[in-house]
Amino acid sequence: MFCKEVTESCTTSMDSDLATSSAELGSSTYRKADPGLGGNPGRPSNNDVHDLLECPVCMNLMYPPIYQCPSGHTLCSNCKVRVHNCCPACRHELGNIRCLALEKVAESLELPCRYRILGCHDIFPYYSKLKHEKNCKYRPYNCPYAGADCSVTGDIPFLVMHLKNDHKVDMHDGCSFSHRYVKSNPQEVGNATWMLTVFNCFGRQFCLHFEAFLLGLAPVYMAFLRFMGDEDEAKQFSYRLEVGRNGRKLTWQGIPRSIRDSHKKVRDSQDGLIIQRNLALSFSGGDKQELKLKISGRIWKE
């Protein structure tokens, strides 16, 4: 049985996945195993099997279940749905035929981490490779800017320049800081970041976030720090935030969260200095019609 015309759907899926992979690793979506890895004369090399395990639609490696059409063309389970159960090579209906032989061959395969080009030189069994790559310390970082959806990824030096040049984020040197946040209409509370500032301290970079959002039904302001590096490195530092006026003071002390944790995850965990709106307006002084908060802080190394 042949499928109806689905060429457009197949092409769209391929373009979309390739764009996603390219954004993650720049110009190289995957670095294949070196020639000779497990390659015995007269037997298929790892590279040959690697090519067989590459989905022809999304170009990513396939993991069980791997499907095949009656003619033997294979593709991954995600793309099977995207191409509407129609083989992109011969346009036969795919059905639910598993390619068990290819799944079995994959068990004996060893491949380098996809982030080898970024510094990871370990070799993994095929079915362990994907799990490792999700937590590989060499994997690219996501852009920490929270004011807009940004899909840019890269290493820390690249992201620092990206924040400065593309998002126009303020950069400051020093481990102590004092920032004033002003908003003419404090009644406006949306899930939007108001301010992101990057500090260069101890030769590392820290992101100071300040924003307004609703905590349940209560409007609040929150300030917190994220470290531009991994969690283990972040634990080497501590920070303190302080806000107050007229003899009253709120303080927060904690460990900066790694930018591996998304901005939303940190905010939703309430891991930072939270100020109720009424108290924030009290700290602002005057007629309490305008938000004028001065937040000071310090970063130190444990």
Protein backbone atom coordinates (compact mmCIF):
# COMPACT_ATOMS: atom_id res chain seq x y z
CA MET A 1 0.00 0.00 0.00
CA PHE A 2 1.34 3.40 -0.97
CA CYS A 3 0.84 6.58 1.01
CA LYS A 4 -0.67 9.81 -0.19
CA GLU A 5 1.61 12.69 -1.00
CA VAL A 6 3.59 13.56 2.13
CA THR A 7 6.76 15.02 0.65
CA GLU A 8 6.13 18.41 2.21
CA SER A 9 5.67 16.95 5.69
CA CYS A 10 8.88 14.91 5.46
CA THR A 11 10.89 17.87 4.26
CA THR A 12 9.54 20.14 6.97
CA SER A 13 10.41 17.64 9.70
CA MET A 14 13.93 17.25 8.38
CA ASP A 15 14.53 20.99 8.19
CA SER A 16 13.13 21.55 11.68
CA ASP A 17 15.26 18.89 13.35
CA LEU A 18 18.39 19.89 11.53
CA ALA A 19 17.90 23.47 12.64
CA THR A 20 17.53 22.35 16.25
CA SER A 21 20.69 20.26 16.13
CA SER A 22 22.63 23.02 14.45
CA ALA A 23 21.61 25.55 17.10
CA GLU A 24 22.92 23.23 19.80
CA LEU A 25 26.37 22.59 18.37
CA GLY A 26 26.94 25.39 15.91
CA SER A 27 28.11 24.22 12.53
CA SER A 28 28.50 20.55 13.50
CA THR A 29 25.44 18.57 14.61
CA TYR A 30 27.37 15.40 15.39
CA ARG A 31 30.99 14.31 15.32
CA LYS A 32 31.21 10.74 14.04
CA ALA A 33 33.50 8.13 15.56
CA ASP A 34 37.07 8.13 14.40
CA PRO A 35 37.87 5.67 11.61
CA GLY A 36 39.21 2.46 13.01
CA LEU A 37 37.12 2.38 16.18
CA GLY A 38 36.34 -1.30 16.46
CA GLY A 39 37.03 -1.73 12.77
CA ASN A 40 38.30 -5.20 11.89
CA PRO A 41 39.30 -6.04 8.31
CA GLY A 42 36.41 -7.57 6.42
CA ARG A 43 33.85 -6.48 9.00
CA PRO A 44 31.69 -3.33 9.07
CA SER A 45 33.27 -0.49 11.03
CA ASN A 46 31.52 1.54 13.70
CA ASN A 47 31.17 4.31 11.14
CA ASP A 48 29.29 1.98 8.77
CA VAL A 49 26.88 0.90 11.52
CA HIS A 50 26.61 4.49 12.71
CA ASP A 51 25.38 5.48 9.24
CA LEU A 52 22.76 2.71 9.36
CA LEU A 53 21.54 3.98 12.71
CA GLU A 54 21.14 7.55 11.48
CA CYS A 55 17.50 8.47 10.91
CA PRO A 56 17.08 9.67 7.29
CA VAL A 57 14.56 12.31 8.36
CA CYS A 58 16.00 14.05 11.43
CA MET A 59 19.60 12.80 10.93
CA ASN A 60 19.84 11.91 14.64
CA LEU A 61 20.82 8.46 15.91
CA MET A 62 17.90 6.07 16.32
CA TYR A 63 17.01 4.33 19.57
CA PRO A 64 14.39 1.60 20.16
CA PRO A 65 11.81 1.32 18.87
CA ILE A 66 13.35 1.57 15.38
CA TYR A 67 10.78 1.10 12.63
CA GLN A 68 11.10 -0.12 9.06
CA CYS A 69 8.84 -0.21 6.03
CA PRO A 70 8.17 -3.44 4.01
CA SER A 71 11.09 -2.47 1.75
CA GLY A 72 13.52 -2.28 4.69
CA HIS A 73 13.91 1.51 5.01
CA THR A 74 14.29 2.56 8.64
CA LEU A 75 13.47 5.65 10.68
CA CYS A 76 13.08 6.66 14.32
CA SER A 77 9.85 6.52 16.30
CA ASN A 78 9.55 10.32 16.52
CA CYS A 79 9.80 10.76 12.75
CA LYS A 80 7.37 7.90 12.13
CA VAL A 81 4.69 10.16 13.58
CA ARG A 82 5.95 13.25 11.76
CA VAL A 83 5.76 11.62 8.32
CA HIS A 84 2.26 10.31 9.06
CA ASN A 85 3.34 6.64 9.04
CA CYS A 86 4.59 6.93 5.47
CA CYS A 87 8.11 5.89 4.44
CA PRO A 88 9.96 8.99 3.18
CA ALA A 89 12.12 6.83 0.86
CA CYS A 90 9.60 4.68 -1.01
CA ARG A 91 6.32 6.08 0.33
CA HIS A 92 5.03 2.68 1.42
CA GLU A 93 2.93 2.60 4.55
CA LEU A 94 5.17 1.91 7.53
CA GLY A 95 2.85 0.01 9.82
CA ASN A 96 4.40 -1.17 13.10
CA ILE A 97 7.29 -3.32 11.85
CA ARG A 98 10.27 -3.13 14.24
CA CYS A 99 13.80 -3.51 12.92
CA LEU A 100 14.94 -5.82 15.71
CA ALA A 101 18.17 -6.77 13.93
CA LEU A 102 19.37 -3.15 13.83
CA GLU A 103 18.37 -2.63 17.47
CA LYS A 104 20.43 -5.72 18.38
CA VAL A 105 23.46 -4.55 16.38
CA ALA A 106 23.36 -1.22 18.21
CA GLU A 107 23.92 -3.00 21.54
CA SER A 108 27.45 -3.99 20.49
CA LEU A 109 28.36 -0.51 19.22
CA GLU A 110 30.56 2.00 21.06
CA LEU A 111 30.62 5.66 20.06
CA PRO A 112 32.17 8.90 21.33
CA CYS A 113 30.05 11.55 23.01
CA ARG A 114 28.44 13.97 20.56
CA TYR A 115 30.17 16.79 22.46
CA ARG A 116 33.62 15.44 21.65
CA ILE A 117 34.30 18.56 19.61
CA LEU A 118 33.71 20.56 22.81
CA GLY A 119 36.11 18.52 24.94
CA CYS A 120 34.47 15.22 25.98
CA HIS A 121 36.71 12.33 24.85
CA ASP A 122 34.90 9.42 26.52
CA ILE A 123 33.57 6.42 24.59
CA PHE A 124 30.19 4.88 25.52
CA PRO A 125 28.10 1.84 24.65
CA TYR A 126 25.44 2.90 22.18
CA TYR A 127 22.50 2.71 24.58
CA SER A 128 24.41 4.52 27.38
CA LYS A 129 25.55 7.33 25.13
CA LEU A 130 22.24 9.21 25.07
CA LYS A 131 21.90 9.18 28.87
CA HIS A 132 25.45 10.52 29.25
CA GLU A 133 24.90 13.31 26.72
CA LYS A 134 21.92 14.66 28.65
CA ASN A 135 24.25 15.41 31.58
CA CYS A 136 27.64 15.76 29.88
CA LYS A 137 29.56 18.60 31.50
CA TYR A 138 30.77 19.67 28.06
CA ARG A 139 27.29 20.12 26.61
CA PRO A 140 26.49 23.69 25.55
CA TYR A 141 24.78 26.05 27.99
CA ASN A 142 21.47 27.70 27.19
CA CYS A 143 21.35 31.48 27.02
CA PRO A 144 20.48 32.72 30.56
CA TYR A 145 18.55 35.74 29.31
CA ALA A 146 14.98 35.46 30.57
CA GLY A 147 13.33 38.52 29.03
CA ALA A 148 12.59 36.71 25.77
CA ASP A 149 12.67 33.21 24.37
CA CYS A 150 16.26 32.77 23.20
CA SER A 151 17.42 29.49 21.67
CA VAL A 152 21.12 30.40 21.50
CA THR A 153 23.51 27.91 23.11
CA GLY A 154 27.26 27.87 23.55
CA ASP A 155 30.14 27.91 25.99
CA ILE A 156 30.44 30.59 28.69
CA PRO A 157 32.73 33.05 26.84
CA PHE A 158 30.43 32.92 23.82
CA LEU A 159 27.29 33.47 25.93
CA VAL A 160 28.88 36.42 27.77
CA MET A 161 29.50 38.16 24.43
CA HIS A 162 26.03 37.16 23.24
CA LEU A 163 24.41 38.74 26.32
CA LYS A 164 26.44 41.90 25.88
CA ASN A 165 26.07 42.35 22.12
CA ASP A 166 22.66 40.85 21.33
CA HIS A 167 20.68 41.41 24.54
CA LYS A 168 22.51 44.61 25.58
CA VAL A 169 22.93 43.33 29.14
CA ASP A 170 24.90 45.55 31.53
CA MET A 171 28.29 44.13 32.51
CA HIS A 172 30.02 45.08 35.77
CA ASP A 173 33.30 44.13 37.42
CA GLY A 174 33.44 43.48 41.15
CA CYS A 175 31.98 41.26 43.84
CA SER A 176 29.91 43.96 45.62
CA PHE A 177 27.06 45.81 43.99
CA SER A 178 24.16 48.16 44.58
CA HIS A 179 21.35 48.48 42.05
CA ARG A 180 18.24 50.63 42.00
CA TYR A 181 15.12 49.34 40.28
CA VAL A 182 12.49 51.91 39.34
CA LYS A 183 9.02 51.34 37.89
CA SER A 184 6.47 54.10 37.51
CA ASN A 185 3.44 51.80 37.75
CA PRO A 186 4.06 49.07 40.32
CA GLN A 187 0.48 47.80 39.84
CA GLU A 188 1.60 46.17 36.60
CA VAL A 189 2.78 42.70 37.50
CA GLY A 190 3.43 40.30 34.67
CA ASN A 191 5.61 37.24 34.28
CA ALA A 192 8.37 39.29 32.72
CA THR A 193 11.96 39.92 33.68
CA TRP A 194 12.72 43.53 34.43
CA MET A 195 16.45 43.42 34.72
CA LEU A 196 19.42 41.15 34.13
CA THR A 197 22.93 42.26 35.08
CA VAL A 198 26.14 40.25 34.70
CA PHE A 199 28.99 40.57 37.21
CA ASN A 200 32.58 39.52 36.62
CA CYS A 201 33.82 38.29 40.00
CA PHE A 202 36.72 35.95 40.85
CA GLY A 203 37.26 35.52 37.13
CA ARG A 204 33.75 34.06 36.72
CA GLN A 205 30.39 35.48 35.64
CA PHE A 206 27.19 35.78 37.70
CA CYS A 207 23.71 36.79 36.49
CA LEU A 208 21.61 38.96 38.80
CA HIS A 209 17.90 38.67 38.01
CA PHE A 210 15.20 41.00 39.27
CA GLU A 211 11.57 40.63 38.28
CA ALA A 212 7.90 40.93 39.17
CA PHE A 213 5.43 38.07 39.06
CA LEU A 214 2.41 36.62 40.86
CA LEU A 215 3.11 34.16 43.64
CA GLY A 216 -0.30 32.55 43.79
CA LEU A 217 -2.50 35.65 43.84
CA ALA A 218 0.04 37.84 45.58
CA PRO A 219 2.18 40.22 43.51
CA VAL A 220 5.83 39.95 44.52
CA TYR A 221 9.29 41.04 43.44
CA MET A 222 12.21 38.66 43.44
CA ALA A 223 15.98 38.97 43.09
CA PHE A 224 18.33 36.00 42.71
CA LEU A 225 21.75 35.10 41.39
CA ARG A 226 22.74 32.46 38.83
CA PHE A 227 26.26 31.24 38.17
CA MET A 228 27.49 30.90 34.60
CA GLY A 229 28.94 27.41 34.97
CA ASP A 230 28.07 23.98 36.33
CA GLU A 231 26.39 23.21 39.65
CA ASP A 232 29.53 21.83 41.28
CA GLU A 233 31.39 25.05 40.53
CA ALA A 234 28.45 27.17 41.74
CA LYS A 235 28.70 25.53 45.18
CA GLN A 236 32.11 27.15 45.63
CA PHE A 237 30.40 30.56 45.96
CA SER A 238 27.86 32.25 48.22
CA TYR A 239 26.00 35.54 47.92
CA ARG A 240 23.94 37.93 50.00
CA LEU A 241 21.18 40.31 48.90
CA GLU A 242 19.73 43.12 50.99
CA VAL A 243 16.91 45.63 50.59
CA GLY A 244 15.54 48.09 53.14
CA ARG A 245 14.72 51.64 54.23
CA ASN A 246 13.98 53.59 57.40
CA GLY A 247 15.49 51.05 59.76
CA ARG A 248 13.79 48.05 58.16
CA LYS A 249 15.72 45.46 56.22
CA LEU A 250 15.22 42.18 54.32
CA THR A 251 18.21 39.96 53.61
CA TRP A 252 18.81 36.77 51.68
CA GLN A 253 21.88 34.54 51.72
CA GLY A 254 22.39 31.50 49.61
CA ILE A 255 24.37 29.66 46.96
CA PRO A 256 23.98 30.85 43.35
CA ARG A 257 22.18 28.41 41.11
CA SER A 258 23.86 27.19 37.94
CA ILE A 259 22.47 28.41 34.63
CA ARG A 260 21.94 24.69 33.93
CA ASP A 261 18.79 25.32 35.97
CA SER A 262 16.40 27.40 33.91
CA HIS A 263 15.39 30.87 35.02
CA LYS A 264 11.82 29.63 35.53
CA LYS A 265 12.95 26.66 37.65
CA VAL A 266 14.90 28.93 40.00
CA ARG A 267 12.07 31.44 40.23
CA ASP A 268 9.40 28.80 40.86
CA SER A 269 11.52 27.25 43.61
CA GLN A 270 11.56 30.70 45.32
CA ASP A 271 15.32 30.38 45.79
CA GLY A 272 16.07 34.06 46.26
CA LEU A 273 15.07 37.34 47.90
CA ILE A 274 11.27 37.69 47.70
CA ILE A 275 9.64 41.03 48.53
CA GLN A 276 5.89 41.45 48.91
CA ARG A 277 4.56 44.42 46.93
CA ASN A 278 3.28 46.35 49.94
CA LEU A 279 6.65 46.01 51.65
CA ALA A 280 8.46 46.92 48.43
CA LEU A 281 6.42 50.10 48.17
CA SER A 282 7.15 50.86 51.80
CA PHE A 283 10.87 50.53 51.06
CA SER A 284 10.38 52.87 48.08
CA GLY A 285 9.29 55.78 50.31
CA GLY A 286 7.29 58.78 49.17
CA ASP A 287 3.61 58.29 48.36
CA LYS A 288 4.11 54.61 47.53
CA GLN A 289 2.90 55.19 43.97
CA GLU A 290 6.25 54.42 42.39
CA LEU A 291 8.61 51.51 42.91
CA LYS A 292 12.13 52.61 43.86
CA LEU A 293 14.01 49.66 45.29
CA LYS A 294 17.70 49.69 46.09
CA ILE A 295 19.15 46.19 46.28
CA SER A 296 22.71 45.72 47.44
CA GLY A 297 24.67 42.52 47.48
CA ARG A 298 27.98 40.73 47.75
CA ILE A 299 29.49 37.57 46.27
CA TRP A 300 32.24 35.64 48.02
CA LYS A 301 34.13 32.40 47.57
CA GLU A 302 33.84 29.65 50.17
